[in-house]
Protein backbone atom coordinates (compact mmCIF):
# COMPACT_ATOMS: atom_id res chain seq x y z
CA MET A 1 129.97 154.25 111.31
CA SER A 2 130.35 150.99 113.03
CA ALA A 3 133.12 149.75 115.75
CA ALA A 4 133.68 146.20 117.02
CA LEU A 5 133.80 145.89 120.75
CA ALA A 6 136.53 143.82 122.19
CA ASP A 7 133.74 141.23 123.58
CA GLY A 8 132.72 140.57 119.88
CA ARG A 9 129.83 143.02 119.88
CA VAL A 10 129.40 145.58 117.20
CA VAL A 11 128.23 149.23 118.05
CA ARG A 12 126.65 151.60 115.13
CA THR A 13 125.53 154.71 114.67
CA THR A 14 124.68 157.81 111.91
CA VAL A 15 126.95 160.47 111.69
CA SER A 16 126.16 163.18 108.96
CA ALA A 17 129.35 165.14 107.53
CA GLU A 18 129.67 167.71 104.99
CA ALA A 19 133.16 167.75 103.11
CA GLY A 20 135.83 169.33 104.92
CA GLU A 21 133.78 169.41 108.14
CA SER A 22 134.87 167.27 111.38
CA ARG A 23 132.34 165.48 113.88
CA THR A 24 132.70 163.55 116.67
CA ALA A 25 131.08 160.62 117.36
CA LEU A 26 130.05 159.10 120.79
CA LEU A 27 129.85 155.15 120.69
CA ALA A 28 128.01 153.70 123.57
CA PRO A 29 127.81 149.58 124.22
CA PRO A 30 124.21 148.66 123.85
CA ALA A 31 122.61 147.76 127.27
CA ALA A 32 123.59 144.14 128.33
CA THR A 33 120.59 141.85 128.11
CA PRO A 34 120.32 139.64 131.21
CA PRO A 35 120.95 135.88 130.32
CA VAL A 36 118.21 133.72 129.42
CA PRO A 37 118.09 131.34 132.52
CA ALA A 38 118.38 127.47 131.16
CA ALA A 39 115.31 125.53 130.68
CA ALA A 40 114.24 123.08 133.52
CA PRO A 41 114.74 119.72 132.21
CA LEU A 42 111.51 118.05 131.15
CA PRO A 43 110.27 114.69 133.04
CA PRO A 44 110.81 111.52 131.40
CA ARG A 45 107.91 110.83 129.12
CA ALA A 46 106.05 107.97 129.79
CA PRO A 47 106.51 104.98 127.09
CA GLU A 48 103.41 105.27 124.68
CA PRO A 49 101.12 102.66 124.05
CA PRO A 50 101.76 100.65 120.84
CA ALA A 51 99.31 101.65 117.99
CA PRO A 52 96.22 99.82 117.63
CA GLN A 53 96.26 97.72 114.69
CA ALA A 54 93.10 97.83 112.11
CA ALA A 55 91.01 94.97 112.18
CA THR A 56 91.78 92.29 109.49
CA PRO A 57 88.74 91.95 107.07
CA GLY A 58 87.61 88.30 107.37
CA TRP A 59 86.81 88.17 103.58
CA ILE A 60 90.42 88.50 102.17
CA VAL A 61 91.37 84.96 102.73
CA PRO A 62 88.46 83.15 101.18
CA ALA A 63 88.59 85.69 98.30
CA GLY A 64 92.01 85.19 97.75
CA ALA A 65 91.78 81.54 97.81
CA ALA A 66 88.74 81.62 95.55
CA ALA A 67 90.42 83.61 93.05
CA SER A 68 93.55 81.76 92.84
CA LEU A 69 91.72 78.49 92.70
CA ALA A 70 89.59 80.23 89.84
CA LEU A 71 92.93 81.36 87.85
CA LEU A 72 94.63 78.22 88.56
CA ALA A 73 91.68 76.32 87.20
CA THR A 74 91.04 78.32 83.97
CA GLY A 75 94.72 77.91 83.35
CA VAL A 76 94.73 74.06 83.34
CA ALA A 77 91.64 73.87 81.27
CA LEU A 78 93.35 76.09 78.70
CA HIS A 79 96.21 74.02 78.86
CA VAL A 80 94.21 71.11 78.03
CA ALA A 81 92.38 72.95 75.39
CA ALA A 82 95.45 74.04 73.95
CA ALA A 83 96.77 70.28 73.83
CA SER A 84 93.65 69.02 72.34
CA GLU A 85 93.77 71.71 69.57
CA ARG A 86 97.49 71.06 68.96
CA ALA A 87 96.75 67.03 68.43
CA GLU A 88 94.08 67.84 66.28
CA VAL A 89 96.03 70.04 64.16
CA ARG A 90 98.74 67.27 63.96
CA THR A 91 96.27 64.45 62.76
CA LYS A 92 95.20 66.85 60.05
CA VAL A 93 98.36 68.15 58.92
CA TYR A 94 99.42 64.51 58.59
CA SER A 95 96.48 63.17 57.09
CA PRO A 96 96.77 61.86 53.65
CA ASP A 97 93.97 64.24 52.10
CA ALA A 98 94.90 67.29 54.34
CA THR A 99 96.17 69.25 51.04
CA ALA A 100 93.29 71.85 51.52
CA TRP A 101 93.75 72.05 54.89
CA ARG A 102 97.34 72.72 54.97
CA TRP A 103 96.69 76.26 53.69
CA SER A 104 94.78 77.27 57.16
CA THR A 105 97.78 75.86 59.42
CA SER A 106 99.35 78.71 60.44
CA GLU A 107 96.35 80.50 61.88
CA ASN A 108 95.54 77.40 63.91
CA VAL A 109 99.38 76.94 64.95
CA ALA A 110 99.56 80.48 66.21
CA SER A 111 95.73 79.84 67.94
CA VAL A 112 97.52 77.10 69.63
CA ALA A 113 100.55 78.87 71.07
CA MET A 114 98.27 81.55 72.04
CA MET A 115 96.20 79.31 74.36
CA ASP A 116 99.62 77.97 75.47
CA GLN A 117 100.54 81.65 76.55
CA ILE A 118 97.22 82.62 78.07
CA SER A 119 97.40 79.32 79.98
CA THR A 120 100.85 79.95 81.20
CA ALA A 121 99.83 83.47 82.23
CA THR A 122 96.83 82.44 84.03
CA LEU A 123 98.79 79.93 85.71
CA VAL A 124 101.46 81.89 86.79
CA ALA A 125 98.85 84.59 88.32
CA GLY A 126 97.19 81.97 90.03
CA THR A 127 100.20 80.69 91.74
CA THR A 128 101.06 84.09 92.87
CA LEU A 129 97.81 84.69 94.27
CA ALA A 130 97.61 81.68 95.96
CA GLY A 131 101.13 82.39 97.42
CA ALA A 132 100.27 85.82 98.49
CA THR A 133 96.82 84.45 100.09
CA LEU A 134 99.08 81.82 102.02
CA ILE A 135 101.28 84.70 103.42
CA TYR A 136 98.18 86.90 104.38
CA ALA A 137 96.65 83.91 106.10
CA VAL A 138 100.03 82.72 108.02
CA LEU A 139 101.43 86.21 108.60
CA ARG A 140 98.26 88.03 109.28
CA ASP A 141 99.34 90.87 111.82
CA GLY A 142 100.94 93.42 109.80
CA THR A 143 100.72 91.96 106.52
CA GLN A 144 99.67 94.14 103.68
CA ILE A 145 98.87 93.48 100.17
CA ARG A 146 99.21 96.20 97.86
CA ALA A 147 98.33 95.95 94.10
CA ARG A 148 100.80 97.49 91.82
CA VAL A 149 100.65 98.17 87.66
CA THR A 150 103.43 95.22 87.55
CA GLY A 151 102.13 92.85 90.16
CA ALA A 152 101.70 93.03 93.92
CA GLU A 153 103.72 94.26 96.77
CA VAL A 154 103.48 92.18 100.17
CA MET A 155 104.73 93.58 103.25
CA PHE A 156 104.80 91.73 106.51
CA VAL A 157 106.31 91.73 109.90
CA TRP A 158 108.22 88.72 110.97
């Protein structure tokens, strides 16, 4: 059995009775619990010192610059080689005695196209790495460079 008091508290008790039998149950409200005193306010906290930044490794800028220069030089060399191969293919195709050589022209054209694509990709990678290295060198404090599958993520604090 349970009863709700006027102040919102609920009082419960257990009563056993057989069929046709009546019982009287006395419900007494539970003892009032003393109120919990309010906690004293905490003193103001002193400002925390800024977290120390990790020391920047000194090898990142030279390594990035060297790698970007290597990629750019490779891209330029591949571009020059593709242009030279393209000129050679053009010369042989338009020469008067090139009937036997024309059968392999598609392989040579495909080779030149692949060299062009690789040189372009290498130039883009070298330029991107050079830009990331420059950003890192200029904005060193708080700059983070993370390699991703699709490229690089550069985070910096301005």
